[in-house]
Amino acid sequence: MRSEFARKVKSHDWYYAYSDDHRVWRKGQSEIEVLRRMHKDLECPYDMKILMHWAHKMILEEFAEEEPGQWYRQPRKYKSIAPVSRGELITLNKHEEITHWMALGSNTAEISSIVR
């Protein structure tokens, strides 16, 4: 069940609320409700915001602060990429801790889908 939760967290459109298409918004709302139920049922110790950062691999050690308060994934491929704040990043240790929690009780195939 945790591996299914991990798959859903990773595949969720976390920015659905910004869509101009009401169908996209409705689908996003439905998905987030499923995620919230699974989060509660599994007694997940991580809040949804941290899980969003986990899903997007917002790992501190993969970013550099190029200007005060402006962090960019390294290597920075494009100048037009928007920066993120330090609060949007989690440490590699935290990312691995969440991955381990998600993988607990999973088989090899399920684990490989979590770590991708």
PDB file of N, CA and C in Angstrom:
ATOM      1  N   MET A   1       0.824  -1.194   0.000  1.00  0.00           N
ATOM      2  CA  MET A   1       0.000   0.000   0.000  1.00  0.00           C
ATOM      3  C   MET A   1       0.875   1.267   0.000  1.00  0.00           C
ATOM      4  N   ARG A   2       1.996   1.249   0.725  1.00  0.00           N
ATOM      5  CA  ARG A   2       2.872   2.420   0.739  1.00  0.00           C
ATOM      6  C   ARG A   2       3.453   2.692  -0.650  1.00  0.00           C
ATOM      7  N   SER A   3       3.787   1.620  -1.368  1.00  0.00           N
ATOM      8  CA  SER A   3       4.354   1.824  -2.706  1.00  0.00           C
ATOM      9  C   SER A   3       3.324   2.455  -3.643  1.00  0.00           C
ATOM     10  N   GLU A   4       2.065   2.090  -3.483  1.00  0.00           N
ATOM     11  CA  GLU A   4       0.995   2.697  -4.279  1.00  0.00           C
ATOM     12  C   GLU A   4       0.851   4.178  -3.909  1.00  0.00           C
ATOM     13  N   PHE A   5       0.941   4.476  -2.638  1.00  0.00           N
ATOM     14  CA  PHE A   5       0.891   5.859  -2.163  1.00  0.00           C
ATOM     15  C   PHE A   5       2.056   6.648  -2.767  1.00  0.00           C
ATOM     16  N   ALA A   6       3.252   6.074  -2.753  1.00  0.00           N
ATOM     17  CA  ALA A   6       4.437   6.736  -3.325  1.00  0.00           C
ATOM     18  C   ALA A   6       4.230   7.015  -4.804  1.00  0.00           C
ATOM     19  N   ARG A   7       3.696   6.037  -5.527  1.00  0.00           N
ATOM     20  CA  ARG A   7       3.452   6.216  -6.960  1.00  0.00           C
ATOM     21  C   ARG A   7       2.472   7.357  -7.193  1.00  0.00           C
ATOM     22  N   LYS A   8       1.416   7.407  -6.400  1.00  0.00           N
ATOM     23  CA  LYS A   8       0.412   8.465  -6.551  1.00  0.00           C
ATOM     24  C   LYS A   8       0.981   9.838  -6.184  1.00  0.00           C
ATOM     25  N   VAL A   9       1.803   9.898  -5.142  1.00  0.00           N
ATOM     26  CA  VAL A   9       2.424  11.163  -4.746  1.00  0.00           C
ATOM     27  C   VAL A   9       3.312  11.674  -5.868  1.00  0.00           C
ATOM     28  N   LYS A  10       4.086  10.767  -6.476  1.00  0.00           N
ATOM     29  CA  LYS A  10       5.008  11.169  -7.540  1.00  0.00           C
ATOM     30  C   LYS A  10       4.283  11.563  -8.826  1.00  0.00           C
ATOM     31  N   SER A  11       3.162  10.929  -9.110  1.00  0.00           N
ATOM     32  CA  SER A  11       2.483  11.201 -10.386  1.00  0.00           C
ATOM     33  C   SER A  11       1.445  12.329 -10.281  1.00  0.00           C
ATOM     34  N   HIS A  12       1.152  12.769  -9.068  1.00  0.00           N
ATOM     35  CA  HIS A  12       0.147  13.819  -8.876  1.00  0.00           C
ATOM     36  C   HIS A  12       0.616  15.144  -9.489  1.00  0.00           C
ATOM     37  N   ASP A  13      -0.309  15.865 -10.104  1.00  0.00           N
ATOM     38  CA  ASP A  13      -0.030  17.210 -10.616  1.00  0.00           C
ATOM     39  C   ASP A  13      -0.208  18.184  -9.454  1.00  0.00           C
ATOM     40  N   TRP A  14       0.883  18.491  -8.792  1.00  0.00           N
ATOM     41  CA  TRP A  14       0.847  19.328  -7.598  1.00  0.00           C
ATOM     42  C   TRP A  14       0.453  20.771  -7.911  1.00  0.00           C
ATOM     43  N   TYR A  15       0.442  21.139  -9.156  1.00  0.00           N
ATOM     44  CA  TYR A  15       0.127  22.520  -9.541  1.00  0.00           C
ATOM     45  C   TYR A  15      -1.197  22.617 -10.304  1.00  0.00           C
ATOM     46  N   TYR A  16      -2.062  21.630 -10.111  1.00  0.00           N
ATOM     47  CA  TYR A  16      -3.351  21.588 -10.812  1.00  0.00           C
ATOM     48  C   TYR A  16      -4.190  22.838 -10.555  1.00  0.00           C
ATOM     49  N   ALA A  17      -4.071  23.427  -9.394  1.00  0.00           N
ATOM     50  CA  ALA A  17      -4.912  24.579  -9.041  1.00  0.00           C
ATOM     51  C   ALA A  17      -4.624  25.798  -9.911  1.00  0.00           C
ATOM     52  N   TYR A  18      -3.484  25.809 -10.582  1.00  0.00           N
ATOM     53  CA  TYR A  18      -3.133  26.937 -11.450  1.00  0.00           C
ATOM     54  C   TYR A  18      -3.678  26.779 -12.872  1.00  0.00           C
ATOM     55  N   SER A  19      -4.302  25.659 -13.157  1.00  0.00           N
ATOM     56  CA  SER A  19      -4.799  25.398 -14.503  1.00  0.00           C
ATOM     57  C   SER A  19      -6.028  26.246 -14.823  1.00  0.00           C
ATOM     58  N   ASP A  20      -6.120  26.642 -16.079  1.00  0.00           N
ATOM     59  CA  ASP A  20      -7.311  27.351 -16.563  1.00  0.00           C
ATOM     60  C   ASP A  20      -8.419  26.370 -16.955  1.00  0.00           C
ATOM     61  N   ASP A  21      -8.068  25.107 -17.050  1.00  0.00           N
ATOM     62  CA  ASP A  21      -9.013  24.076 -17.473  1.00  0.00           C
ATOM     63  C   ASP A  21      -9.683  23.474 -16.229  1.00  0.00           C
ATOM     64  N   HIS A  22     -10.999  23.644 -16.138  1.00  0.00           N
ATOM     65  CA  HIS A  22     -11.728  23.156 -14.969  1.00  0.00           C
ATOM     66  C   HIS A  22     -11.634  21.645 -14.826  1.00  0.00           C
ATOM     67  N   ARG A  23     -11.519  20.913 -15.940  1.00  0.00           N
ATOM     68  CA  ARG A  23     -11.384  19.456 -15.869  1.00  0.00           C
ATOM     69  C   ARG A  23     -10.084  19.066 -15.175  1.00  0.00           C
ATOM     70  N   VAL A  24      -9.023  19.803 -15.467  1.00  0.00           N
ATOM     71  CA  VAL A  24      -7.730  19.544 -14.823  1.00  0.00           C
ATOM     72  C   VAL A  24      -7.851  19.824 -13.327  1.00  0.00           C
ATOM     73  N   TRP A  25      -8.497  20.919 -12.966  1.00  0.00           N
ATOM     74  CA  TRP A  25      -8.686  21.265 -11.567  1.00  0.00           C
ATOM     75  C   TRP A  25      -9.493  20.192 -10.845  1.00  0.00           C
ATOM     76  N   ARG A  26     -10.597  19.761 -11.479  1.00  0.00           N
ATOM     77  CA  ARG A  26     -11.459  18.738 -10.877  1.00  0.00           C
ATOM     78  C   ARG A  26     -10.691  17.437 -10.667  1.00  0.00           C
ATOM     79  N   LYS A  27      -9.901  17.033 -11.659  1.00  0.00           N
ATOM     80  CA  LYS A  27      -9.097  15.813 -11.548  1.00  0.00           C
ATOM     81  C   LYS A  27      -8.070  15.959 -10.425  1.00  0.00           C
ATOM     82  N   GLY A  28      -7.427  17.107 -10.344  1.00  0.00           N
ATOM     83  CA  GLY A  28      -6.452  17.360  -9.290  1.00  0.00           C
ATOM     84  C   GLY A  28      -7.079  17.308  -7.912  1.00  0.00           C
ATOM     85  N   GLN A  29      -8.264  17.897  -7.775  1.00  0.00           N
ATOM     86  CA  GLN A  29      -8.985  17.861  -6.499  1.00  0.00           C
ATOM     87  C   GLN A  29      -9.309  16.432  -6.091  1.00  0.00           C
ATOM     88  N   SER A  30      -9.754  15.652  -7.053  1.00  0.00           N
ATOM     89  CA  SER A  30     -10.079  14.250  -6.778  1.00  0.00           C
ATOM     90  C   SER A  30      -8.839  13.475  -6.341  1.00  0.00           C
ATOM     91  N   GLU A  31      -7.727  13.700  -7.042  1.00  0.00           N
ATOM     92  CA  GLU A  31      -6.479  13.004  -6.705  1.00  0.00           C
ATOM     93  C   GLU A  31      -5.957  13.408  -5.329  1.00  0.00           C
ATOM     94  N   ILE A  32      -6.036  14.690  -4.999  1.00  0.00           N
ATOM     95  CA  ILE A  32      -5.509  15.132  -3.706  1.00  0.00           C
ATOM     96  C   ILE A  32      -6.354  14.575  -2.564  1.00  0.00           C
ATOM     97  N   GLU A  33      -7.644  14.399  -2.779  1.00  0.00           N
ATOM     98  CA  GLU A  33      -8.494  13.794  -1.751  1.00  0.00           C
ATOM     99  C   GLU A  33      -8.100  12.331  -1.524  1.00  0.00           C
ATOM    100  N   VAL A  34      -7.805  11.614  -2.604  1.00  0.00           N
ATOM    101  CA  VAL A  34      -7.335  10.227  -2.479  1.00  0.00           C
ATOM    102  C   VAL A  34      -6.015  10.203  -1.715  1.00  0.00           C
ATOM    103  N   LEU A  35      -5.118  11.111  -2.068  1.00  0.00           N
ATOM    104  CA  LEU A  35      -3.827  11.176  -1.372  1.00  0.00           C
ATOM    105  C   LEU A  35      -4.015  11.479   0.119  1.00  0.00           C
ATOM    106  N   ARG A  36      -4.901  12.384   0.444  1.00  0.00           N
ATOM    107  CA  ARG A  36      -5.140  12.720   1.855  1.00  0.00           C
ATOM    108  C   ARG A  36      -5.693  11.533   2.633  1.00  0.00           C
ATOM    109  N   ARG A  37      -6.595  10.782   2.005  1.00  0.00           N
ATOM    110  CA  ARG A  37      -7.148   9.588   2.665  1.00  0.00           C
ATOM    111  C   ARG A  37      -6.058   8.546   2.883  1.00  0.00           C
ATOM    112  N   MET A  38      -5.244   8.313   1.841  1.00  0.00           N
ATOM    113  CA  MET A  38      -4.158   7.342   1.975  1.00  0.00           C
ATOM    114  C   MET A  38      -3.155   7.807   3.029  1.00  0.00           C
ATOM    115  N   HIS A  39      -2.851   9.080   3.035  1.00  0.00           N
ATOM    116  CA  HIS A  39      -1.925   9.665   4.004  1.00  0.00           C
ATOM    117  C   HIS A  39      -2.403   9.372   5.427  1.00  0.00           C
ATOM    118  N   LYS A  40      -3.693   9.587   5.653  1.00  0.00           N
ATOM    119  CA  LYS A  40      -4.280   9.341   6.974  1.00  0.00           C
ATOM    120  C   LYS A  40      -4.318   7.850   7.297  1.00  0.00           C
ATOM    121  N   ASP A  41      -4.777   7.033   6.354  1.00  0.00           N
ATOM    122  CA  ASP A  41      -4.892   5.586   6.576  1.00  0.00           C
ATOM    123  C   ASP A  41      -3.536   4.937   6.861  1.00  0.00           C
ATOM    124  N   LEU A  42      -2.496   5.416   6.177  1.00  0.00           N
ATOM    125  CA  LEU A  42      -1.160   4.857   6.372  1.00  0.00           C
ATOM    126  C   LEU A  42      -0.434   5.470   7.572  1.00  0.00           C
ATOM    127  N   GLU A  43      -1.059   6.475   8.183  1.00  0.00           N
ATOM    128  CA  GLU A  43      -0.436   7.201   9.293  1.00  0.00           C
ATOM    129  C   GLU A  43       0.956   7.698   8.895  1.00  0.00           C
ATOM    130  N   CYS A  44       1.004   8.303   7.724  1.00  0.00           N
ATOM    131  CA  CYS A  44       2.263   8.816   7.188  1.00  0.00           C
ATOM    132  C   CYS A  44       2.799   9.918   8.100  1.00  0.00           C
ATOM    133  N   PRO A  45       4.062   9.797   8.523  1.00  0.00           N
ATOM    134  CA  PRO A  45       4.626  10.788   9.445  1.00  0.00           C
ATOM    135  C   PRO A  45       5.093  12.088   8.774  1.00  0.00           C
ATOM    136  N   TYR A  46       4.974  12.166   7.457  1.00  0.00           N
ATOM    137  CA  TYR A  46       5.453  13.347   6.725  1.00  0.00           C
ATOM    138  C   TYR A  46       4.266  14.143   6.198  1.00  0.00           C
ATOM    139  N   ASP A  47       4.336  15.465   6.321  1.00  0.00           N
ATOM    140  CA  ASP A  47       3.208  16.250   5.824  1.00  0.00           C
ATOM    141  C   ASP A  47       3.238  16.307   4.294  1.00  0.00           C
ATOM    142  N   MET A  48       2.110  16.692   3.737  1.00  0.00           N
ATOM    143  CA  MET A  48       1.950  16.663   2.282  1.00  0.00           C
ATOM    144  C   MET A  48       2.926  17.609   1.579  1.00  0.00           C
ATOM    145  N   LYS A  49       3.254  18.724   2.188  1.00  0.00           N
ATOM    146  CA  LYS A  49       4.189  19.665   1.576  1.00  0.00           C
ATOM    147  C   LYS A  49       5.574  19.021   1.432  1.00  0.00           C
ATOM    148  N   ILE A  50       6.022  18.319   2.464  1.00  0.00           N
ATOM    149  CA  ILE A  50       7.309  17.612   2.408  1.00  0.00           C
ATOM    150  C   ILE A  50       7.252  16.518   1.346  1.00  0.00           C
ATOM    151  N   LEU A  51       6.121  15.844   1.242  1.00  0.00           N
ATOM    152  CA  LEU A  51       5.982  14.791   0.233  1.00  0.00           C
ATOM    153  C   LEU A  51       6.037  15.368  -1.180  1.00  0.00           C
ATOM    154  N   MET A  52       5.501  16.563  -1.361  1.00  0.00           N
ATOM    155  CA  MET A  52       5.599  17.220  -2.666  1.00  0.00           C
ATOM    156  C   MET A  52       7.076  17.485  -3.001  1.00  0.00           C
ATOM    157  N   HIS A  53       7.842  17.968  -2.031  1.00  0.00           N
ATOM    158  CA  HIS A  53       9.270  18.216  -2.253  1.00  0.00           C
ATOM    159  C   HIS A  53      10.005  16.909  -2.534  1.00  0.00           C
ATOM    160  N   TRP A  54       9.612  15.853  -1.832  1.00  0.00           N
ATOM    161  CA  TRP A  54      10.193  14.522  -2.074  1.00  0.00           C
ATOM    162  C   TRP A  54       9.902  14.071  -3.504  1.00  0.00           C
ATOM    163  N   ALA A  55       8.649  14.214  -3.938  1.00  0.00           N
ATOM    164  CA  ALA A  55       8.235  13.777  -5.273  1.00  0.00           C
ATOM    165  C   ALA A  55       8.996  14.510  -6.373  1.00  0.00           C
ATOM    166  N   HIS A  56       9.307  15.772  -6.147  1.00  0.00           N
ATOM    167  CA  HIS A  56      10.019  16.568  -7.150  1.00  0.00           C
ATOM    168  C   HIS A  56      11.535  16.525  -6.985  1.00  0.00           C
ATOM    169  N   LYS A  57      11.998  15.700  -6.047  1.00  0.00           N
ATOM    170  CA  LYS A  57      13.442  15.564  -5.776  1.00  0.00           C
ATOM    171  C   LYS A  57      14.093  16.925  -5.544  1.00  0.00           C
ATOM    172  N   MET A  58      13.479  17.685  -4.678  1.00  0.00           N
ATOM    173  CA  MET A  58      13.991  19.006  -4.313  1.00  0.00           C
ATOM    174  C   MET A  58      15.028  18.830  -3.207  1.00  0.00           C
ATOM    175  N   ILE A  59      16.166  18.257  -3.573  1.00  0.00           N
ATOM    176  CA  ILE A  59      17.211  17.867  -2.627  1.00  0.00           C
ATOM    177  C   ILE A  59      18.244  18.987  -2.494  1.00  0.00           C
ATOM    178  N   LEU A  60      18.390  19.479  -1.295  1.00  0.00           N
ATOM    179  CA  LEU A  60      19.270  20.604  -1.004  1.00  0.00           C
ATOM    180  C   LEU A  60      20.659  20.434  -1.615  1.00  0.00           C
ATOM    181  N   GLU A  61      21.224  19.262  -1.473  1.00  0.00           N
ATOM    182  CA  GLU A  61      22.593  19.019  -1.947  1.00  0.00           C
ATOM    183  C   GLU A  61      22.721  19.082  -3.469  1.00  0.00           C
ATOM    184  N   GLU A  62      21.604  19.104  -4.188  1.00  0.00           N
ATOM    185  CA  GLU A  62      21.624  19.210  -5.645  1.00  0.00           C
ATOM    186  C   GLU A  62      21.384  20.650  -6.120  1.00  0.00           C
ATOM    187  N   PHE A  63      21.310  21.580  -5.168  1.00  0.00           N
ATOM    188  CA  PHE A  63      21.049  22.982  -5.466  1.00  0.00           C
ATOM    189  C   PHE A  63      22.189  23.845  -4.933  1.00  0.00           C
ATOM    190  N   ALA A  64      22.309  25.034  -5.492  1.00  0.00           N
ATOM    191  CA  ALA A  64      23.269  26.016  -4.985  1.00  0.00           C
ATOM    192  C   ALA A  64      22.579  27.356  -4.869  1.00  0.00           C
ATOM    193  N   GLU A  65      22.951  28.103  -3.850  1.00  0.00           N
ATOM    194  CA  GLU A  65      22.404  29.439  -3.657  1.00  0.00           C
ATOM    195  C   GLU A  65      23.256  30.408  -4.472  1.00  0.00           C
ATOM    196  N   GLU A  66      22.734  30.808  -5.628  1.00  0.00           N
ATOM    197  CA  GLU A  66      23.491  31.677  -6.533  1.00  0.00           C
ATOM    198  C   GLU A  66      23.385  33.146  -6.140  1.00  0.00           C
ATOM    199  N   GLU A  67      22.272  33.515  -5.525  1.00  0.00           N
ATOM    200  CA  GLU A  67      22.058  34.854  -4.991  1.00  0.00           C
ATOM    201  C   GLU A  67      21.364  34.653  -3.648  1.00  0.00           C
ATOM    202  N   PRO A  68      21.435  35.608  -2.751  1.00  0.00           N
ATOM    203  CA  PRO A  68      20.801  35.418  -1.447  1.00  0.00           C
ATOM    204  C   PRO A  68      19.334  34.994  -1.560  1.00  0.00           C
ATOM    205  N   GLY A  69      19.035  33.826  -0.995  1.00  0.00           N
ATOM    206  CA  GLY A  69      17.668  33.310  -0.991  1.00  0.00           C
ATOM    207  C   GLY A  69      17.195  32.702  -2.297  1.00  0.00           C
ATOM    208  N   GLN A  70      18.069  32.610  -3.300  1.00  0.00           N
ATOM    209  CA  GLN A  70      17.686  32.069  -4.608  1.00  0.00           C
ATOM    210  C   GLN A  70      18.530  30.834  -4.920  1.00  0.00           C
ATOM    211  N   TRP A  71      17.873  29.687  -4.836  1.00  0.00           N
ATOM    212  CA  TRP A  71      18.539  28.397  -5.022  1.00  0.00           C
ATOM    213  C   TRP A  71      18.186  27.828  -6.391  1.00  0.00           C
ATOM    214  N   TYR A  72      19.199  27.271  -7.059  1.00  0.00           N
ATOM    215  CA  TYR A  72      19.022  26.688  -8.394  1.00  0.00           C
ATOM    216  C   TYR A  72      19.609  25.276  -8.418  1.00  0.00           C
ATOM    217  N   ARG A  73      18.880  24.380  -9.121  1.00  0.00           N
ATOM    218  CA  ARG A  73      19.389  23.014  -9.304  1.00  0.00           C
ATOM    219  C   ARG A  73      20.688  23.092 -10.103  1.00  0.00           C
ATOM    220  N   GLN A  74      21.647  22.265  -9.715  1.00  0.00           N
ATOM    221  CA  GLN A  74      22.951  22.260 -10.376  1.00  0.00           C
ATOM    222  C   GLN A  74      23.160  20.958 -11.154  1.00  0.00           C
ATOM    223  N   PRO A  75      23.806  20.965 -12.275  1.00  0.00           N
ATOM    224  CA  PRO A  75      24.239  22.187 -12.950  1.00  0.00           C
ATOM    225  C   PRO A  75      23.025  22.918 -13.536  1.00  0.00           C
ATOM    226  N   ARG A  76      23.114  24.213 -13.538  1.00  0.00           N
ATOM    227  CA  ARG A  76      22.005  25.040 -14.056  1.00  0.00           C
ATOM    228  C   ARG A  76      22.113  25.076 -15.569  1.00  0.00           C
ATOM    229  N   LYS A  77      21.112  24.488 -16.230  1.00  0.00           N
ATOM    230  CA  LYS A  77      21.143  24.371 -17.688  1.00  0.00           C
ATOM    231  C   LYS A  77      20.672  25.630 -18.403  1.00  0.00           C
ATOM    232  N   TYR A  78      19.696  26.316 -17.832  1.00  0.00           N
ATOM    233  CA  TYR A  78      19.079  27.438 -18.518  1.00  0.00           C
ATOM    234  C   TYR A  78      19.029  28.662 -17.598  1.00  0.00           C
ATOM    235  N   LYS A  79      19.230  29.825 -18.141  1.00  0.00           N
ATOM    236  CA  LYS A  79      19.162  31.058 -17.360  1.00  0.00           C
ATOM    237  C   LYS A  79      17.719  31.437 -17.006  1.00  0.00           C
ATOM    238  N   SER A  80      16.742  30.932 -17.754  1.00  0.00           N
ATOM    239  CA  SER A  80      15.346  31.327 -17.546  1.00  0.00           C
ATOM    240  C   SER A  80      14.635  30.516 -16.457  1.00  0.00           C
ATOM    241  N   ILE A  81      15.334  29.628 -15.783  1.00  0.00           N
ATOM    242  CA  ILE A  81      14.733  28.819 -14.723  1.00  0.00           C
ATOM    243  C   ILE A  81      14.501  29.696 -13.488  1.00  0.00           C
ATOM    244  N   ALA A  82      13.333  29.562 -12.892  1.00  0.00           N
ATOM    245  CA  ALA A  82      13.023  30.336 -11.686  1.00  0.00           C
ATOM    246  C   ALA A  82      13.724  29.713 -10.477  1.00  0.00           C
ATOM    247  N   PRO A  83      14.152  30.547  -9.548  1.00  0.00           N
ATOM    248  CA  PRO A  83      14.798  30.020  -8.345  1.00  0.00           C
ATOM    249  C   PRO A  83      13.764  29.476  -7.370  1.00  0.00           C
ATOM    250  N   VAL A  84      14.233  28.705  -6.394  1.00  0.00           N
ATOM    251  CA  VAL A  84      13.397  28.249  -5.287  1.00  0.00           C
ATOM    252  C   VAL A  84      14.010  28.790  -4.005  1.00  0.00           C
ATOM    253  N   SER A  85      13.214  28.796  -2.954  1.00  0.00           N
ATOM    254  CA  SER A  85      13.727  29.240  -1.654  1.00  0.00           C
ATOM    255  C   SER A  85      14.257  28.026  -0.889  1.00  0.00           C
ATOM    256  N   ARG A  86      15.020  28.275   0.132  1.00  0.00           N
ATOM    257  CA  ARG A  86      15.585  27.190   0.946  1.00  0.00           C
ATOM    258  C   ARG A  86      14.477  26.341   1.556  1.00  0.00           C
ATOM    259  N   GLY A  87      13.345  26.953   1.888  1.00  0.00           N
ATOM    260  CA  GLY A  87      12.220  26.241   2.487  1.00  0.00           C
ATOM    261  C   GLY A  87      11.578  25.211   1.573  1.00  0.00           C
ATOM    262  N   GLU A  88      11.859  25.272   0.284  1.00  0.00           N
ATOM    263  CA  GLU A  88      11.306  24.313  -0.670  1.00  0.00           C
ATOM    264  C   GLU A  88      12.224  23.115  -0.877  1.00  0.00           C
ATOM    265  N   LEU A  89      13.320  23.066  -0.134  1.00  0.00           N
ATOM    266  CA  LEU A  89      14.312  21.999  -0.312  1.00  0.00           C
ATOM    267  C   LEU A  89      14.378  21.120   0.927  1.00  0.00           C
ATOM    268  N   ILE A  90      14.611  19.833   0.693  1.00  0.00           N
ATOM    269  CA  ILE A  90      14.826  18.891   1.790  1.00  0.00           C
ATOM    270  C   ILE A  90      16.230  18.308   1.640  1.00  0.00           C
ATOM    271  N   THR A  91      16.795  17.868   2.734  1.00  0.00           N
ATOM    272  CA  THR A  91      18.138  17.291   2.674  1.00  0.00           C
ATOM    273  C   THR A  91      18.088  15.922   2.013  1.00  0.00           C
ATOM    274  N   LEU A  92      19.223  15.479   1.541  1.00  0.00           N
ATOM    275  CA  LEU A  92      19.326  14.135   0.960  1.00  0.00           C
ATOM    276  C   LEU A  92      18.946  13.093   2.002  1.00  0.00           C
ATOM    277  N   ASN A  93      19.355  13.294   3.245  1.00  0.00           N
ATOM    278  CA  ASN A  93      18.998  12.345   4.308  1.00  0.00           C
ATOM    279  C   ASN A  93      17.484  12.247   4.478  1.00  0.00           C
ATOM    280  N   LYS A  94      16.788  13.391   4.462  1.00  0.00           N
ATOM    281  CA  LYS A  94      15.333  13.395   4.593  1.00  0.00           C
ATOM    282  C   LYS A  94      14.693  12.701   3.390  1.00  0.00           C
ATOM    283  N   HIS A  95      15.215  12.960   2.184  1.00  0.00           N
ATOM    284  CA  HIS A  95      14.697  12.313   0.975  1.00  0.00           C
ATOM    285  C   HIS A  95      14.835  10.794   1.082  1.00  0.00           C
ATOM    286  N   GLU A  96      15.992  10.340   1.528  1.00  0.00           N
ATOM    287  CA  GLU A  96      16.223   8.896   1.674  1.00  0.00           C
ATOM    288  C   GLU A  96      15.355   8.298   2.772  1.00  0.00           C
ATOM    289  N   GLU A  97      15.150   9.042   3.846  1.00  0.00           N
ATOM    290  CA  GLU A  97      14.287   8.584   4.946  1.00  0.00           C
ATOM    291  C   GLU A  97      12.856   8.374   4.448  1.00  0.00           C
ATOM    292  N   ILE A  98      12.344   9.318   3.675  1.00  0.00           N
ATOM    293  CA  ILE A  98      10.986   9.205   3.125  1.00  0.00           C
ATOM    294  C   ILE A  98      10.916   8.032   2.148  1.00  0.00           C
ATOM    295  N   THR A  99      11.924   7.908   1.291  1.00  0.00           N
ATOM    296  CA  THR A  99      11.958   6.799   0.331  1.00  0.00           C
ATOM    297  C   THR A  99      11.940   5.465   1.066  1.00  0.00           C
ATOM    298  N   HIS A 100      12.721   5.361   2.123  1.00  0.00           N
ATOM    299  CA  HIS A 100      12.756   4.126   2.921  1.00  0.00           C
ATOM    300  C   HIS A 100      11.377   3.847   3.524  1.00  0.00           C
ATOM    301  N   TRP A 101      10.725   4.868   4.068  1.00  0.00           N
ATOM    302  CA  TRP A 101       9.394   4.687   4.648  1.00  0.00           C
ATOM    303  C   TRP A 101       8.408   4.214   3.580  1.00  0.00           C
ATOM    304  N   MET A 102       8.480   4.815   2.401  1.00  0.00           N
ATOM    305  CA  MET A 102       7.569   4.443   1.311  1.00  0.00           C
ATOM    306  C   MET A 102       7.809   2.999   0.857  1.00  0.00           C
ATOM    307  N   ALA A 103       9.059   2.561   0.897  1.00  0.00           N
ATOM    308  CA  ALA A 103       9.417   1.239   0.391  1.00  0.00           C
ATOM    309  C   ALA A 103       9.171   0.113   1.393  1.00  0.00           C
ATOM    310  N   LEU A 104       8.976   0.445   2.655  1.00  0.00           N
ATOM    311  CA  LEU A 104       8.796  -0.579   3.687  1.00  0.00           C
ATOM    312  C   LEU A 104       7.640  -1.513   3.332  1.00  0.00           C
ATOM    313  N   GLY A 105       7.932  -2.798   3.271  1.00  0.00           N
ATOM    314  CA  GLY A 105       6.917  -3.797   2.955  1.00  0.00           C
ATOM    315  C   GLY A 105       6.692  -4.015   1.464  1.00  0.00           C
ATOM    316  N   SER A 106       7.508  -3.399   0.628  1.00  0.00           N
ATOM    317  CA  SER A 106       7.344  -3.518  -0.827  1.00  0.00           C
ATOM    318  C   SER A 106       8.240  -4.609  -1.396  1.00  0.00           C
ATOM    319  N   ASN A 107       7.846  -5.111  -2.560  1.00  0.00           N
ATOM    320  CA  ASN A 107       8.707  -6.066  -3.260  1.00  0.00           C
ATOM    321  C   ASN A 107       9.691  -5.308  -4.142  1.00  0.00           C
ATOM    322  N   THR A 108      10.583  -6.033  -4.790  1.00  0.00           N
ATOM    323  CA  THR A 108      11.648  -5.426  -5.580  1.00  0.00           C
ATOM    324  C   THR A 108      11.112  -4.528  -6.694  1.00  0.00           C
ATOM    325  N   ALA A 109      10.097  -4.979  -7.408  1.00  0.00           N
ATOM    326  CA  ALA A 109       9.541  -4.183  -8.505  1.00  0.00           C
ATOM    327  C   ALA A 109       8.916  -2.883  -7.980  1.00  0.00           C
ATOM    328  N   GLU A 110       8.232  -2.986  -6.857  1.00  0.00           N
ATOM    329  CA  GLU A 110       7.614  -1.793  -6.270  1.00  0.00           C
ATOM    330  C   GLU A 110       8.670  -0.810  -5.787  1.00  0.00           C
ATOM    331  N   ILE A 111       9.732  -1.330  -5.210  1.00  0.00           N
ATOM    332  CA  ILE A 111      10.828  -0.463  -4.732  1.00  0.00           C
ATOM    333  C   ILE A 111      11.473   0.265  -5.896  1.00  0.00           C
ATOM    334  N   SER A 112      11.689  -0.428  -7.007  1.00  0.00           N
ATOM    335  CA  SER A 112      12.319   0.234  -8.153  1.00  0.00           C
ATOM    336  C   SER A 112      11.460   1.362  -8.697  1.00  0.00           C
ATOM    337  N   SER A 113      10.141   1.233  -8.609  1.00  0.00           N
ATOM    338  CA  SER A 113       9.264   2.324  -9.073  1.00  0.00           C
ATOM    339  C   SER A 113       9.282   3.503  -8.107  1.00  0.00           C
ATOM    340  N   ILE A 114       9.590   3.257  -6.844  1.00  0.00           N
ATOM    341  CA  ILE A 114       9.650   4.331  -5.861  1.00  0.00           C
ATOM    342  C   ILE A 114      10.916   5.154  -6.021  1.00  0.00           C
ATOM    343  N   VAL A 115      12.042   4.493  -6.263  1.00  0.00           N
ATOM    344  CA  VAL A 115      13.318   5.200  -6.286  1.00  0.00           C
ATOM    345  C   VAL A 115      13.601   5.886  -7.614  1.00  0.00           C
ATOM    346  N   ARG A 116      12.810   5.646  -8.629  1.00  0.00           N
ATOM    347  CA  ARG A 116      13.019   6.338  -9.910  1.00  0.00           C
ATOM    348  C   ARG A 116      12.750   7.783  -9.808  1.00  0.00           C
TER     349      ARG A 116
END
